[in-house]
Structure formats: structure tokens, C-alpha cells
Amino acid sequence: MAYTLGLVMATGVCLPSFYFYSLLAGIRVSALQVVGQVMKGKAATSMMLLGVLPSYVAVVLGAIVFRFPHDWLRLALCLGLVLPFIAGLWGVRAIYLGFVRLADTMAPERRCQRECLLRRLTLACAGCYAAVSPVMIYTLWVYFADLFAGRSN
């Protein structure tokens, strides 16, 4: 629950930044187009995760069947916790490329001036999104763990 809700909340936090930075760079973009670009990034993350997951499961099952040491199993399980964030970098790349491609909608005489600014702003905002998502998930994870354990603030 924390993972799903954390990604949705991180998207909600970062959407205004994507919209504002696009307008600052001179692109006429609607809020719906920004949501579409971010959802495209989430879809790319999901597809990458679905592609990597069978290989991960095969490696972990092989480690269990062949009785690898517990340290190796712990490392494999920690990799499983980090795997969605590694796959998420593919989604961040898709968001970056989507916004950079929006520079093609600008007039050619303005594109040269604004395209570099758009690339830098989009890269900064994509990096912010990549940093906000794990923090949001971890914060919710701790909150839900305390809530379900009966320790409320």
C-alpha cells in the first residue's frame, strides 16, 4: 500500500513542477499533457519491471533451491526491494525524453534558445521526481508500520 500510494503522491507533488518548468521554457502545454507525459513514464517503469521480474524470480528461486548462504539470500531480497527504483529510472528517462520532444512544437527561431533550458529544467525535475518517490514511499511505509502496530502519534 505504501509503494502504490507513495508513487501516486510523489506524482502529485512533482506535477506542478513539470507544468511550471515547461511553461518557463516556453512550451505551450496543458496540465493534461503533463499528466500524459508522467503517466507514460509510469507505464515505461511498469513494463521494465515486468520484463526484469521473471529473471529476478529465477535467480532468487535458484538461490533458495541450491541453498546459497543466508548473506546471499539477504542480498538478493534487498535487491528485490531496490528493483522497482532501478526500473523507475527507465520511467524517468521516458518522462525526460517526452518533455524534450515537446520542444519540437516551438517555432524554429525560438527552439534554439529554449531547448537547452528545457533539457536542463526537465532533467532537474526528473531528478527531483526520482528523489521524491523513494522518500515518499519510505515515509508512508514507516507511517503505516506504526499505524498497524498500534503506535499512533
Protein backbone atom coordinates (compact mmCIF):
# COMPACT_ATOMS: atom_id res chain seq x y z
CA MET A 1 0.00 0.00 0.00
CA ALA A 2 2.86 2.38 0.83
CA TYR A 3 4.55 1.75 -2.54
CA THR A 4 1.45 2.44 -4.62
CA LEU A 5 0.28 5.41 -2.60
CA GLY A 6 3.82 6.80 -2.40
CA LEU A 7 4.23 6.81 -6.18
CA VAL A 8 0.86 8.49 -6.65
CA MET A 9 1.66 11.13 -4.03
CA ALA A 10 5.12 11.75 -5.49
CA THR A 11 3.48 12.30 -8.86
CA GLY A 12 1.08 14.76 -7.28
CA VAL A 13 3.96 16.65 -5.69
CA CYS A 14 6.01 16.81 -8.90
CA LEU A 15 3.25 17.51 -11.47
CA PRO A 16 3.09 21.27 -10.81
CA SER A 17 6.87 21.49 -11.23
CA PHE A 18 6.77 19.72 -14.60
CA TYR A 19 3.97 22.05 -15.72
CA PHE A 20 5.67 25.20 -14.47
CA TYR A 21 9.07 24.30 -15.93
CA SER A 22 7.53 23.57 -19.31
CA LEU A 23 5.84 26.95 -19.34
CA LEU A 24 9.05 28.60 -18.16
CA ALA A 25 10.90 27.05 -21.08
CA GLY A 26 8.35 28.48 -23.49
CA ILE A 27 6.31 25.40 -24.34
CA ARG A 28 2.57 25.77 -24.53
CA VAL A 29 1.49 22.70 -22.64
CA SER A 30 -1.72 21.89 -20.80
CA ALA A 31 -1.92 20.21 -17.43
CA LEU A 32 -3.48 17.21 -19.16
CA GLN A 33 -0.46 16.88 -21.47
CA VAL A 34 1.85 16.97 -18.44
CA VAL A 35 -0.20 14.23 -16.77
CA GLY A 36 0.00 12.22 -20.00
CA GLN A 37 3.79 12.51 -20.11
CA VAL A 38 4.15 11.43 -16.48
CA MET A 39 1.74 8.52 -16.98
CA LYS A 40 3.82 7.47 -19.98
CA GLY A 41 6.82 7.38 -17.64
CA LYS A 42 4.92 5.25 -15.15
CA ALA A 43 3.91 2.86 -17.94
CA ALA A 44 7.53 2.58 -19.06
CA THR A 45 8.53 1.79 -15.47
CA SER A 46 5.86 -0.88 -15.24
CA MET A 47 6.90 -2.52 -18.48
CA MET A 48 10.56 -2.53 -17.47
CA LEU A 49 9.70 -4.03 -14.09
CA LEU A 50 7.55 -6.71 -15.71
CA GLY A 51 10.42 -7.53 -18.03
CA VAL A 52 13.04 -7.80 -15.29
CA LEU A 53 10.91 -9.57 -12.69
CA PRO A 54 10.98 -13.10 -14.18
CA SER A 55 14.78 -13.07 -14.25
CA TYR A 56 14.91 -11.85 -10.66
CA VAL A 57 12.49 -14.56 -9.51
CA ALA A 58 14.54 -17.23 -11.29
CA VAL A 59 17.75 -16.07 -9.59
CA VAL A 60 16.17 -15.96 -6.13
CA LEU A 61 14.48 -19.34 -6.55
CA GLY A 62 17.78 -20.80 -7.75
CA ALA A 63 19.49 -19.36 -4.68
CA ILE A 64 16.87 -20.97 -2.43
CA VAL A 65 16.91 -24.35 -4.20
CA PHE A 66 20.69 -24.60 -4.25
CA ARG A 67 20.87 -23.41 -0.61
CA PHE A 68 23.04 -20.36 -1.02
CA PRO A 69 24.37 -18.81 2.21
CA HIS A 70 21.96 -16.57 4.11
CA ASP A 71 24.03 -13.50 3.32
CA TRP A 72 23.50 -14.08 -0.40
CA LEU A 73 19.76 -14.56 0.12
CA ARG A 74 19.56 -11.36 2.16
CA LEU A 75 21.39 -9.52 -0.61
CA ALA A 76 19.02 -10.96 -3.22
CA LEU A 77 15.99 -9.89 -1.19
CA CYS A 78 17.42 -6.39 -0.71
CA LEU A 79 17.90 -6.24 -4.47
CA GLY A 80 14.21 -7.08 -4.79
CA LEU A 81 13.33 -4.06 -2.67
CA VAL A 82 15.54 -1.81 -4.80
CA LEU A 83 14.50 -3.30 -8.15
CA PRO A 84 11.39 -1.08 -8.62
CA PHE A 85 13.55 2.01 -8.17
CA ILE A 86 16.11 0.75 -10.67
CA ALA A 87 13.29 0.09 -13.14
CA GLY A 88 11.91 3.51 -12.24
CA LEU A 89 14.95 5.14 -13.81
CA TRP A 90 13.66 3.90 -17.17
CA GLY A 91 10.41 5.74 -16.47
CA VAL A 92 12.26 8.90 -15.50
CA ARG A 93 14.12 8.63 -18.81
CA ALA A 94 10.79 8.33 -20.65
CA ILE A 95 9.49 11.45 -18.88
CA TYR A 96 12.66 13.35 -19.78
CA LEU A 97 12.50 12.34 -23.45
CA GLY A 98 8.79 13.15 -23.63
CA PHE A 99 9.27 16.69 -22.39
CA VAL A 100 12.35 17.27 -24.55
CA ARG A 101 10.38 16.16 -27.60
CA LEU A 102 7.81 18.83 -26.81
CA ALA A 103 10.44 21.36 -27.88
CA ASP A 104 9.59 20.36 -31.46
CA THR A 105 6.28 22.22 -31.00
CA MET A 106 8.08 25.56 -30.65
CA ALA A 107 8.79 27.88 -33.53
CA PRO A 108 12.20 27.14 -35.11
CA GLU A 109 13.63 30.57 -34.27
CA ARG A 110 12.77 30.14 -30.57
CA ARG A 111 13.67 26.46 -30.35
CA CYS A 112 17.43 27.04 -30.36
CA GLN A 113 17.19 29.47 -27.46
CA ARG A 114 14.78 27.48 -25.32
CA GLU A 115 15.63 23.84 -25.99
CA CYS A 116 18.76 23.84 -23.82
CA LEU A 117 16.86 25.45 -20.95
CA LEU A 118 14.06 22.90 -21.33
CA ARG A 119 16.51 19.99 -21.25
CA ARG A 120 18.12 21.30 -18.08
CA LEU A 121 14.83 22.06 -16.34
CA THR A 122 13.36 18.70 -17.30
CA LEU A 123 16.47 16.87 -16.14
CA ALA A 124 16.33 18.73 -12.81
CA CYS A 125 12.64 17.97 -12.35
CA ALA A 126 13.06 14.31 -13.36
CA GLY A 127 15.88 14.04 -10.84
CA CYS A 128 13.64 15.62 -8.21
CA TYR A 129 10.90 13.09 -9.05
CA ALA A 130 13.41 10.25 -8.77
CA ALA A 131 14.45 11.53 -5.34
CA VAL A 132 10.94 12.29 -4.04
CA SER A 133 9.48 8.85 -4.89
CA PRO A 134 11.66 6.70 -2.58
CA VAL A 135 11.42 9.24 0.24
CA MET A 136 7.64 9.36 -0.06
CA ILE A 137 7.40 5.56 -0.12
CA TYR A 138 9.69 5.17 2.89
CA THR A 139 7.80 7.81 4.87
CA LEU A 140 4.48 6.11 4.19
CA TRP A 141 6.00 2.72 4.95
CA VAL A 142 7.09 3.90 8.40
CA TYR A 143 3.74 5.63 8.97
CA PHE A 144 1.72 2.53 8.04
CA ALA A 145 4.01 0.28 10.10
CA ASP A 146 3.42 2.47 13.16
CA LEU A 147 -0.29 2.71 12.43
CA PHE A 148 -0.80 -1.03 12.06
CA ALA A 149 1.39 -1.79 15.08
CA GLY A 150 -0.89 0.37 17.22
CA ARG A 151 1.59 3.18 17.84
CA SER A 152 -0.20 6.32 16.74
CA ASN A 153 1.26 9.80 17.13
